[in-house]
Amino acid sequence: MKTNVKSVKLTPALLKRIIEEEVGKFGPEKDVEKKADDTEEVDADEIADSLDKHIDFMKALKIEEGRLTKRLARVQEARKRAQKALIARV
């Protein structure tokens, strides 16, 4: 299967133009020092507490998922029994 892709020789000038276009998509250049002043500093222990909370939440979700999976299995089994009973009566 042929594709209609035209190959273009990559010259240093073309490569430079492509790079300039991509850099232009980033927007205006910002001063690093100014950005550093705007950044809020956070202690490492605050981040660790946050991570602990997220991990605990994920563990709780896993436990809840197990409970719901067991309940779903019971509901599906009851549905199968009810369906068999209905078919037996008909």
N, C-alpha and C. Protein backbone atom coordinates (compact mmCIF):
# COMPACT_ATOMS: atom_id res chain seq x y z
N MET A 1 0.84 -1.17 0.00
CA MET A 1 0.00 0.00 0.00
C MET A 1 0.89 1.24 0.00
N LYS A 2 0.67 2.11 -0.94
CA LYS A 2 1.48 3.31 -1.07
C LYS A 2 0.82 4.46 -0.33
N THR A 3 1.66 5.29 0.24
CA THR A 3 1.15 6.49 0.90
C THR A 3 1.56 7.70 0.08
N ASN A 4 0.79 8.72 0.16
CA ASN A 4 1.07 9.94 -0.58
C ASN A 4 1.84 10.93 0.28
N VAL A 5 2.98 10.49 0.78
CA VAL A 5 3.81 11.34 1.61
C VAL A 5 5.03 11.76 0.81
N LYS A 6 5.21 13.04 0.70
CA LYS A 6 6.35 13.58 -0.03
C LYS A 6 7.51 13.73 0.94
N SER A 7 8.65 13.18 0.59
CA SER A 7 9.80 13.30 1.47
C SER A 7 10.50 14.63 1.19
N VAL A 8 10.94 15.25 2.26
CA VAL A 8 11.61 16.54 2.16
C VAL A 8 12.99 16.39 2.77
N LYS A 9 13.99 16.91 2.07
CA LYS A 9 15.35 16.84 2.58
C LYS A 9 15.48 17.82 3.75
N LEU A 10 15.97 17.30 4.86
CA LEU A 10 16.11 18.11 6.06
C LEU A 10 17.45 18.84 6.02
N THR A 11 17.38 20.11 5.70
CA THR A 11 18.59 20.93 5.63
C THR A 11 18.75 21.67 6.95
N PRO A 12 19.95 22.16 7.24
CA PRO A 12 20.13 22.93 8.47
C PRO A 12 19.20 24.14 8.55
N ALA A 13 18.96 24.78 7.45
CA ALA A 13 18.07 25.95 7.45
C ALA A 13 16.64 25.54 7.76
N LEU A 14 16.18 24.43 7.17
CA LEU A 14 14.82 23.95 7.42
C LEU A 14 14.67 23.51 8.87
N LEU A 15 15.67 22.82 9.38
CA LEU A 15 15.65 22.38 10.78
C LEU A 15 15.58 23.57 11.71
N LYS A 16 16.36 24.61 11.43
CA LYS A 16 16.35 25.81 12.26
C LYS A 16 14.98 26.47 12.23
N ARG A 17 14.35 26.53 11.06
CA ARG A 17 13.03 27.13 10.93
C ARG A 17 11.97 26.34 11.71
N ILE A 18 12.06 25.01 11.63
CA ILE A 18 11.12 24.16 12.37
C ILE A 18 11.27 24.38 13.87
N ILE A 19 12.49 24.44 14.34
CA ILE A 19 12.75 24.65 15.77
C ILE A 19 12.22 26.01 16.21
N GLU A 20 12.45 27.05 15.41
CA GLU A 20 11.95 28.38 15.75
C GLU A 20 10.43 28.40 15.82
N GLU A 21 9.76 27.68 14.93
CA GLU A 21 8.29 27.61 14.97
C GLU A 21 7.81 26.94 16.25
N GLU A 22 8.47 25.85 16.62
CA GLU A 22 8.06 25.13 17.83
C GLU A 22 8.32 25.95 19.08
N VAL A 23 9.44 26.63 19.14
CA VAL A 23 9.75 27.49 20.28
C VAL A 23 8.75 28.63 20.36
N GLY A 24 8.32 29.14 19.23
CA GLY A 24 7.34 30.22 19.20
C GLY A 24 6.00 29.80 19.77
N LYS A 25 5.68 28.51 19.73
CA LYS A 25 4.42 28.02 20.28
C LYS A 25 4.39 28.06 21.80
N PHE A 26 5.55 28.16 22.45
CA PHE A 26 5.61 28.19 23.90
C PHE A 26 5.10 29.50 24.48
N GLY A 27 5.07 30.53 23.70
CA GLY A 27 4.63 31.84 24.17
C GLY A 27 5.83 32.69 24.56
N PRO A 28 5.55 33.85 25.14
CA PRO A 28 6.66 34.74 25.48
C PRO A 28 7.54 34.13 26.57
N GLU A 29 8.82 34.43 26.46
CA GLU A 29 9.78 33.92 27.43
C GLU A 29 9.62 34.67 28.75
N LYS A 30 9.63 33.93 29.86
CA LYS A 30 9.45 34.55 31.18
C LYS A 30 10.77 34.54 31.93
N ASP A 31 10.93 35.53 32.78
CA ASP A 31 12.14 35.63 33.57
C ASP A 31 12.11 34.58 34.68
N VAL A 32 13.18 33.81 34.80
CA VAL A 32 13.24 32.74 35.78
C VAL A 32 13.20 33.29 37.20
N GLU A 33 13.88 34.37 37.45
CA GLU A 33 13.91 34.97 38.79
C GLU A 33 12.51 35.43 39.20
N LYS A 34 11.79 36.02 38.27
CA LYS A 34 10.44 36.50 38.57
C LYS A 34 9.53 35.32 38.88
N LYS A 35 9.67 34.24 38.14
CA LYS A 35 8.86 33.05 38.36
C LYS A 35 9.19 32.42 39.71
N ALA A 36 10.45 32.45 40.11
CA ALA A 36 10.86 31.89 41.39
C ALA A 36 10.25 32.67 42.54
N ASP A 37 10.10 33.98 42.40
CA ASP A 37 9.49 34.79 43.45
C ASP A 37 8.01 34.47 43.61
N ASP A 38 7.33 34.10 42.51
CA ASP A 38 5.91 33.80 42.55
C ASP A 38 5.61 32.40 43.08
N THR A 39 6.62 31.55 43.14
CA THR A 39 6.43 30.17 43.54
C THR A 39 6.29 30.06 45.05
N GLU A 40 5.29 29.29 45.49
CA GLU A 40 5.06 29.09 46.92
C GLU A 40 5.90 27.90 47.38
N GLU A 41 6.64 28.10 48.47
CA GLU A 41 7.47 27.03 49.00
C GLU A 41 6.65 26.21 49.99
N VAL A 42 6.84 24.89 49.94
CA VAL A 42 6.11 23.97 50.80
C VAL A 42 7.12 23.07 51.48
N ASP A 43 6.92 22.83 52.79
CA ASP A 43 7.82 21.95 53.52
C ASP A 43 7.63 20.51 53.07
N ALA A 44 8.70 19.73 53.17
CA ALA A 44 8.65 18.34 52.73
C ALA A 44 7.69 17.52 53.58
N ASP A 45 7.58 17.85 54.88
CA ASP A 45 6.68 17.06 55.72
C ASP A 45 5.21 17.25 55.34
N GLU A 46 4.87 18.43 54.81
CA GLU A 46 3.50 18.65 54.35
C GLU A 46 3.19 17.77 53.13
N ILE A 47 4.16 17.65 52.25
CA ILE A 47 3.98 16.81 51.07
C ILE A 47 3.87 15.34 51.49
N ALA A 48 4.70 14.94 52.47
CA ALA A 48 4.67 13.56 52.94
C ALA A 48 3.31 13.24 53.57
N ASP A 49 2.76 14.17 54.35
CA ASP A 49 1.45 13.95 54.96
C ASP A 49 0.39 13.79 53.88
N SER A 50 0.48 14.62 52.87
CA SER A 50 -0.48 14.56 51.77
C SER A 50 -0.38 13.21 51.06
N LEU A 51 0.85 12.76 50.82
CA LEU A 51 1.04 11.47 50.16
C LEU A 51 0.49 10.33 51.01
N ASP A 52 0.71 10.41 52.33
CA ASP A 52 0.18 9.39 53.24
C ASP A 52 -1.33 9.34 53.17
N LYS A 53 -1.96 10.50 53.12
CA LYS A 53 -3.42 10.54 53.03
C LYS A 53 -3.91 9.91 51.74
N HIS A 54 -3.22 10.20 50.63
CA HIS A 54 -3.61 9.62 49.35
C HIS A 54 -3.44 8.10 49.35
N ILE A 55 -2.36 7.62 49.95
CA ILE A 55 -2.11 6.18 50.02
C ILE A 55 -3.18 5.51 50.88
N ASP A 56 -3.50 6.11 52.03
CA ASP A 56 -4.54 5.56 52.89
C ASP A 56 -5.88 5.53 52.18
N PHE A 57 -6.19 6.58 51.42
CA PHE A 57 -7.45 6.64 50.68
C PHE A 57 -7.50 5.52 49.64
N MET A 58 -6.38 5.30 48.95
CA MET A 58 -6.35 4.24 47.94
C MET A 58 -6.53 2.87 48.59
N LYS A 59 -5.94 2.66 49.78
CA LYS A 59 -6.12 1.39 50.48
C LYS A 59 -7.59 1.20 50.86
N ALA A 60 -8.22 2.27 51.33
CA ALA A 60 -9.64 2.20 51.70
C ALA A 60 -10.49 1.89 50.46
N LEU A 61 -10.15 2.49 49.34
CA LEU A 61 -10.90 2.22 48.11
C LEU A 61 -10.74 0.76 47.68
N LYS A 62 -9.56 0.21 47.87
CA LYS A 62 -9.33 -1.18 47.51
C LYS A 62 -10.17 -2.10 48.37
N ILE A 63 -10.27 -1.82 49.67
CA ILE A 63 -11.10 -2.61 50.57
C ILE A 63 -12.56 -2.51 50.16
N GLU A 64 -13.02 -1.30 49.86
CA GLU A 64 -14.40 -1.09 49.43
C GLU A 64 -14.67 -1.81 48.12
N GLU A 65 -13.70 -1.81 47.22
CA GLU A 65 -13.86 -2.51 45.94
C GLU A 65 -14.05 -4.01 46.19
N GLY A 66 -13.31 -4.56 47.14
CA GLY A 66 -13.45 -5.98 47.48
C GLY A 66 -14.84 -6.28 48.01
N ARG A 67 -15.35 -5.42 48.88
CA ARG A 67 -16.70 -5.60 49.43
C ARG A 67 -17.74 -5.56 48.31
N LEU A 68 -17.61 -4.57 47.43
CA LEU A 68 -18.57 -4.43 46.35
C LEU A 68 -18.50 -5.60 45.37
N THR A 69 -17.29 -6.12 45.15
CA THR A 69 -17.14 -7.26 44.25
C THR A 69 -17.86 -8.48 44.82
N LYS A 70 -17.71 -8.71 46.13
CA LYS A 70 -18.40 -9.82 46.78
C LYS A 70 -19.91 -9.64 46.70
N ARG A 71 -20.36 -8.42 46.94
CA ARG A 71 -21.80 -8.15 46.89
C ARG A 71 -22.33 -8.35 45.47
N LEU A 72 -21.57 -7.92 44.48
CA LEU A 72 -21.97 -8.11 43.09
C LEU A 72 -22.09 -9.59 42.77
N ALA A 73 -21.17 -10.38 43.25
CA ALA A 73 -21.22 -11.82 43.00
C ALA A 73 -22.49 -12.42 43.62
N ARG A 74 -22.85 -11.99 44.83
CA ARG A 74 -24.07 -12.48 45.47
C ARG A 74 -25.31 -12.07 44.69
N VAL A 75 -25.34 -10.84 44.20
CA VAL A 75 -26.48 -10.35 43.43
C VAL A 75 -26.60 -11.12 42.13
N GLN A 76 -25.47 -11.36 41.45
CA GLN A 76 -25.50 -12.11 40.20
C GLN A 76 -25.98 -13.54 40.43
N GLU A 77 -25.56 -14.16 41.52
CA GLU A 77 -25.99 -15.51 41.84
C GLU A 77 -27.49 -15.55 42.11
N ALA A 78 -28.00 -14.58 42.86
CA ALA A 78 -29.44 -14.51 43.15
C ALA A 78 -30.22 -14.30 41.85
N ARG A 79 -29.68 -13.51 40.96
CA ARG A 79 -30.34 -13.26 39.67
C ARG A 79 -30.41 -14.55 38.85
N LYS A 80 -29.32 -15.30 38.85
CA LYS A 80 -29.31 -16.57 38.12
C LYS A 80 -30.33 -17.54 38.68
N ARG A 81 -30.41 -17.63 40.03
CA ARG A 81 -31.38 -18.51 40.66
C ARG A 81 -32.80 -18.09 40.32
N ALA A 82 -33.08 -16.78 40.36
CA ALA A 82 -34.41 -16.28 40.04
C ALA A 82 -34.75 -16.56 38.58
N GLN A 83 -33.79 -16.42 37.71
CA GLN A 83 -34.00 -16.67 36.29
C GLN A 83 -34.31 -18.14 36.03
N LYS A 84 -33.56 -19.05 36.72
CA LYS A 84 -33.80 -20.47 36.57
C LYS A 84 -35.19 -20.84 37.09
N ALA A 85 -35.58 -20.23 38.22
CA ALA A 85 -36.90 -20.51 38.79
C ALA A 85 -37.99 -20.04 37.85
N LEU A 86 -37.80 -18.91 37.22
CA LEU A 86 -38.78 -18.37 36.30
C LEU A 86 -38.91 -19.27 35.06
N ILE A 87 -37.79 -19.74 34.57
CA ILE A 87 -37.81 -20.62 33.39
C ILE A 87 -38.46 -21.95 33.75
N ALA A 88 -38.21 -22.45 34.96
CA ALA A 88 -38.82 -23.71 35.38
C ALA A 88 -40.33 -23.60 35.47
N ARG A 89 -40.87 -22.46 35.84
CA ARG A 89 -42.31 -22.27 35.96
C ARG A 89 -42.99 -22.11 34.61
N VAL A 90 -42.25 -21.67 33.64
CA VAL A 90 -42.86 -21.42 32.32
C VAL A 90 -42.87 -22.64 31.52
